[in-house]
């Protein structure tokens, strides 16, 4: 089944939260790609955070991209609670304390 990506959000630990055209929210781990070719540049947080939707897939400002079939096939389905936990897990204790005060 083909479905293109329509939204992307970068998360800690080189993960992407993706929303596909069929409405599914899925989590994709980019870290296995970071030792290969053009993807090495994504180790830089600023470059990784440049992720955006280009047509129906994810691309970065250095020209790296992944085909939507790979993004869908190699990602895992997530719910909103899982996304919140993933977003919060690498924040510093100080940042968490500020949010709760």
N, C-alpha and C. Protein backbone atom coordinates (compact mmCIF):
# COMPACT_ATOMS: atom_id res chain seq x y z
N UNK A 1 0.84 -1.18 0.00
CA UNK A 1 0.00 0.00 0.00
C UNK A 1 0.88 1.24 0.00
N UNK A 2 0.63 2.16 -0.91
CA UNK A 2 1.38 3.42 -0.98
C UNK A 2 0.61 4.50 -0.24
N UNK A 3 1.30 5.22 0.61
CA UNK A 3 0.74 6.41 1.23
C UNK A 3 1.86 7.40 1.46
N UNK A 4 1.66 8.62 1.05
CA UNK A 4 2.68 9.65 1.19
C UNK A 4 2.62 10.32 2.55
N UNK A 5 3.73 10.93 2.93
CA UNK A 5 3.79 11.69 4.17
C UNK A 5 3.21 13.07 3.92
N UNK A 6 2.47 13.59 4.89
CA UNK A 6 1.92 14.94 4.73
C UNK A 6 2.34 15.89 5.86
N UNK A 7 2.87 15.34 6.97
CA UNK A 7 3.39 16.16 8.07
C UNK A 7 4.59 15.47 8.67
N UNK A 8 5.55 16.28 9.16
CA UNK A 8 6.72 15.74 9.85
C UNK A 8 7.07 16.66 11.01
N UNK A 9 7.46 16.05 12.11
CA UNK A 9 7.96 16.77 13.28
C UNK A 9 9.20 16.03 13.76
N UNK A 10 10.30 16.76 13.98
CA UNK A 10 11.50 16.12 14.51
C UNK A 10 11.34 15.94 16.02
N UNK A 11 11.88 14.81 16.50
CA UNK A 11 11.85 14.47 17.91
C UNK A 11 13.28 14.17 18.37
N UNK A 12 13.50 14.09 19.67
CA UNK A 12 14.84 13.72 20.17
C UNK A 12 15.27 12.35 19.65
N UNK A 13 16.56 12.12 19.73
CA UNK A 13 17.15 10.82 19.38
C UNK A 13 16.97 10.47 17.90
N UNK A 14 16.96 11.50 17.04
CA UNK A 14 16.89 11.31 15.59
C UNK A 14 15.64 10.55 15.16
N UNK A 15 14.53 10.90 15.77
CA UNK A 15 13.25 10.29 15.40
C UNK A 15 12.38 11.34 14.71
N UNK A 16 11.51 10.85 13.84
CA UNK A 16 10.54 11.70 13.16
C UNK A 16 9.13 11.22 13.49
N UNK A 17 8.27 12.15 13.82
CA UNK A 17 6.85 11.85 13.93
C UNK A 17 6.24 12.22 12.58
N UNK A 18 5.63 11.25 11.96
CA UNK A 18 5.08 11.43 10.63
C UNK A 18 3.56 11.25 10.65
N UNK A 19 2.89 12.04 9.85
CA UNK A 19 1.47 11.84 9.59
C UNK A 19 1.36 11.56 8.10
N UNK A 20 0.72 10.45 7.78
CA UNK A 20 0.59 10.02 6.39
C UNK A 20 -0.78 10.43 5.83
N UNK A 21 -0.89 10.37 4.52
CA UNK A 21 -2.13 10.77 3.85
C UNK A 21 -3.34 9.99 4.32
N UNK A 22 -3.13 8.78 4.81
CA UNK A 22 -4.24 7.96 5.30
C UNK A 22 -4.61 8.30 6.75
N UNK A 23 -3.94 9.31 7.35
CA UNK A 23 -4.24 9.75 8.71
C UNK A 23 -3.43 9.07 9.79
N UNK A 24 -2.66 8.04 9.44
CA UNK A 24 -1.85 7.34 10.44
C UNK A 24 -0.71 8.21 10.94
N UNK A 25 -0.46 8.13 12.24
CA UNK A 25 0.70 8.77 12.88
C UNK A 25 1.71 7.66 13.14
N UNK A 26 2.94 7.89 12.66
CA UNK A 26 3.95 6.84 12.78
C UNK A 26 5.28 7.46 13.19
N UNK A 27 6.10 6.66 13.87
CA UNK A 27 7.40 7.09 14.35
C UNK A 27 8.49 6.40 13.52
N UNK A 28 9.41 7.21 12.98
CA UNK A 28 10.49 6.69 12.15
C UNK A 28 11.82 7.05 12.79
N UNK A 29 12.70 6.07 12.93
CA UNK A 29 14.03 6.26 13.52
C UNK A 29 15.05 6.47 12.39
N UNK A 30 15.63 7.66 12.34
CA UNK A 30 16.61 7.99 11.30
C UNK A 30 18.01 7.50 11.68
N UNK A 31 18.26 7.18 12.95
CA UNK A 31 19.62 6.87 13.41
C UNK A 31 20.33 5.77 12.62
N UNK A 32 19.67 4.72 12.12
CA UNK A 32 20.41 3.72 11.33
C UNK A 32 21.02 4.27 10.04
N UNK A 33 20.56 5.42 9.59
CA UNK A 33 21.04 6.01 8.34
C UNK A 33 22.21 6.97 8.55
N UNK A 34 22.48 7.36 9.80
CA UNK A 34 23.41 8.45 10.08
C UNK A 34 24.88 8.15 9.79
N UNK A 35 25.22 6.92 9.50
CA UNK A 35 26.60 6.56 9.16
C UNK A 35 26.79 6.42 7.66
N UNK A 36 25.81 6.85 6.87
CA UNK A 36 25.85 6.61 5.43
C UNK A 36 25.70 7.89 4.63
N UNK A 37 26.67 8.15 3.78
CA UNK A 37 26.60 9.21 2.77
C UNK A 37 26.06 10.54 3.25
N UNK A 38 25.10 11.04 2.50
CA UNK A 38 24.53 12.36 2.75
C UNK A 38 23.84 12.46 4.11
N UNK A 39 23.45 11.31 4.67
CA UNK A 39 22.75 11.31 5.95
C UNK A 39 23.68 11.63 7.13
N UNK A 40 25.01 11.54 6.95
CA UNK A 40 25.95 11.87 8.03
C UNK A 40 25.74 13.30 8.52
N UNK A 41 25.40 14.19 7.61
CA UNK A 41 25.20 15.60 7.98
C UNK A 41 24.03 15.78 8.95
N UNK A 42 23.12 14.82 8.99
CA UNK A 42 21.95 14.93 9.87
C UNK A 42 22.29 14.72 11.33
N UNK A 43 23.53 14.34 11.63
CA UNK A 43 23.97 14.26 13.03
C UNK A 43 23.96 15.64 13.68
N UNK A 44 24.13 16.69 12.85
CA UNK A 44 24.07 18.07 13.35
C UNK A 44 22.59 18.38 13.65
N UNK A 45 22.29 18.73 14.90
CA UNK A 45 20.88 18.97 15.26
C UNK A 45 20.19 20.01 14.37
N UNK A 46 20.89 21.06 14.01
CA UNK A 46 20.26 22.08 13.15
C UNK A 46 19.88 21.48 11.79
N UNK A 47 20.75 20.66 11.25
CA UNK A 47 20.45 20.03 9.96
C UNK A 47 19.30 19.03 10.11
N UNK A 48 19.36 18.22 11.16
CA UNK A 48 18.27 17.25 11.38
C UNK A 48 16.94 17.97 11.51
N UNK A 49 16.93 19.07 12.24
CA UNK A 49 15.69 19.81 12.48
C UNK A 49 15.20 20.56 11.25
N UNK A 50 15.96 20.53 10.16
CA UNK A 50 15.50 21.17 8.92
C UNK A 50 14.55 20.25 8.14
N UNK A 51 14.20 19.11 8.70
CA UNK A 51 13.29 18.17 8.03
C UNK A 51 11.99 18.88 7.65
N UNK A 52 11.52 18.60 6.45
CA UNK A 52 10.28 19.19 5.95
C UNK A 52 9.66 18.24 4.93
N UNK A 53 8.41 18.49 4.64
CA UNK A 53 7.72 17.70 3.62
C UNK A 53 8.06 18.29 2.25
N UNK A 54 8.45 17.41 1.35
CA UNK A 54 8.70 17.78 -0.04
C UNK A 54 7.89 16.81 -0.89
N UNK A 55 6.90 17.34 -1.56
CA UNK A 55 5.93 16.52 -2.30
C UNK A 55 5.27 15.56 -1.33
N UNK A 56 5.63 14.28 -1.31
CA UNK A 56 4.96 13.33 -0.42
C UNK A 56 5.94 12.58 0.47
N UNK A 57 7.11 13.19 0.71
CA UNK A 57 8.12 12.53 1.52
C UNK A 57 8.84 13.55 2.40
N UNK A 58 9.84 13.09 3.16
CA UNK A 58 10.62 13.96 4.04
C UNK A 58 11.95 14.25 3.37
N UNK A 59 12.35 15.52 3.42
CA UNK A 59 13.64 15.94 2.89
C UNK A 59 14.27 16.90 3.89
N UNK A 60 15.58 17.09 3.76
CA UNK A 60 16.33 18.01 4.61
C UNK A 60 17.00 19.05 3.73
N UNK A 61 17.46 20.12 4.37
CA UNK A 61 18.03 21.24 3.61
C UNK A 61 19.35 20.90 2.92
N UNK A 62 19.99 19.78 3.28
CA UNK A 62 21.22 19.38 2.60
C UNK A 62 20.94 18.51 1.36
N UNK A 63 19.68 18.27 1.05
CA UNK A 63 19.31 17.47 -0.11
C UNK A 63 19.00 16.02 0.20
N UNK A 64 19.23 15.57 1.42
CA UNK A 64 18.89 14.20 1.80
C UNK A 64 17.37 14.04 1.80
N UNK A 65 16.92 12.86 1.41
CA UNK A 65 15.51 12.54 1.51
C UNK A 65 15.34 11.03 1.60
N UNK A 66 14.15 10.63 2.00
CA UNK A 66 13.81 9.21 2.11
C UNK A 66 12.50 9.01 1.37
N UNK A 67 12.39 7.92 0.64
CA UNK A 67 11.16 7.70 -0.12
C UNK A 67 10.02 7.36 0.84
N UNK A 68 8.81 7.74 0.49
CA UNK A 68 7.67 7.52 1.39
C UNK A 68 7.41 6.05 1.70
N UNK A 69 7.73 5.17 0.76
CA UNK A 69 7.53 3.74 1.03
C UNK A 69 8.41 3.27 2.18
N UNK A 70 9.67 3.73 2.21
CA UNK A 70 10.59 3.38 3.30
C UNK A 70 10.11 3.99 4.61
N UNK A 71 9.70 5.25 4.57
CA UNK A 71 9.21 5.90 5.78
C UNK A 71 8.04 5.13 6.38
N UNK A 72 7.13 4.69 5.54
CA UNK A 72 5.96 3.97 6.03
C UNK A 72 6.33 2.55 6.49
N UNK A 73 7.05 1.84 5.66
CA UNK A 73 7.39 0.44 5.94
C UNK A 73 8.23 0.30 7.22
N UNK A 74 9.18 1.20 7.42
CA UNK A 74 10.11 1.07 8.53
C UNK A 74 9.74 1.90 9.76
N UNK A 75 8.54 2.42 9.78
CA UNK A 75 8.09 3.18 10.94
C UNK A 75 7.09 2.35 11.74
N UNK A 76 6.82 2.82 12.95
CA UNK A 76 5.87 2.12 13.82
C UNK A 76 4.70 3.04 14.13
N UNK A 77 3.54 2.46 14.22
CA UNK A 77 2.33 3.21 14.54
C UNK A 77 2.42 3.72 15.99
N UNK A 78 1.96 4.94 16.20
CA UNK A 78 2.01 5.53 17.54
C UNK A 78 0.69 6.21 17.85
N UNK A 79 0.43 6.37 19.15
CA UNK A 79 -0.71 7.17 19.58
C UNK A 79 -0.17 8.45 20.21
N UNK A 80 -1.04 9.38 20.52
CA UNK A 80 -0.61 10.69 21.03
C UNK A 80 0.15 10.58 22.35
N UNK A 81 -0.21 9.64 23.22
CA UNK A 81 0.49 9.48 24.49
C UNK A 81 1.94 9.06 24.27
N UNK A 82 2.16 8.17 23.31
CA UNK A 82 3.53 7.75 23.00
C UNK A 82 4.35 8.92 22.47
N UNK A 83 3.75 9.77 21.68
CA UNK A 83 4.45 10.93 21.13
C UNK A 83 4.87 11.87 22.25
N UNK A 84 3.97 12.13 23.20
CA UNK A 84 4.32 13.00 24.32
C UNK A 84 5.48 12.44 25.12
N UNK A 85 5.45 11.14 25.38
CA UNK A 85 6.55 10.52 26.15
C UNK A 85 7.86 10.64 25.39
N UNK A 86 7.85 10.41 24.10
CA UNK A 86 9.05 10.50 23.28
C UNK A 86 9.57 11.93 23.23
N UNK A 87 8.68 12.91 23.16
CA UNK A 87 9.08 14.32 23.09
C UNK A 87 9.69 14.78 24.40
N UNK A 88 9.23 14.23 25.52
CA UNK A 88 9.68 14.70 26.83
C UNK A 88 10.90 13.96 27.36
N UNK A 89 11.21 12.79 26.84
CA UNK A 89 12.21 11.96 27.50
C UNK A 89 13.62 12.52 27.48
N UNK A 90 13.98 13.33 26.51
CA UNK A 90 15.35 13.82 26.48
C UNK A 90 15.47 15.26 26.94
N UNK A 91 14.40 15.83 27.47
CA UNK A 91 14.50 17.17 28.02
C UNK A 91 15.23 17.11 29.35
N UNK A 92 15.93 18.16 29.66
CA UNK A 92 16.67 18.19 30.92
C UNK A 92 15.70 18.30 32.09
N UNK A 93 16.13 17.85 33.27
CA UNK A 93 15.27 17.98 34.46
C UNK A 93 14.93 19.45 34.70
N UNK A 94 15.87 20.34 34.42
CA UNK A 94 15.63 21.78 34.61
C UNK A 94 14.50 22.26 33.70
N UNK A 95 14.51 21.84 32.44
CA UNK A 95 13.46 22.23 31.51
C UNK A 95 12.11 21.68 31.97
N UNK A 96 12.10 20.44 32.48
CA UNK A 96 10.86 19.85 32.97
C UNK A 96 10.34 20.63 34.18
N UNK A 97 11.26 21.02 35.09
CA UNK A 97 10.87 21.76 36.28
C UNK A 97 10.25 23.10 35.91
N UNK A 98 10.80 23.79 34.91
CA UNK A 98 10.26 25.08 34.46
C UNK A 98 8.84 24.92 33.93
N UNK A 99 8.58 23.83 33.21
CA UNK A 99 7.27 23.60 32.64
C UNK A 99 6.22 23.41 33.72
N UNK A 100 6.62 22.84 34.85
CA UNK A 100 5.66 22.51 35.91
C UNK A 100 5.54 23.60 36.96
N UNK A 101 6.30 24.68 36.84
CA UNK A 101 6.20 25.73 37.86
C UNK A 101 5.29 26.86 37.43
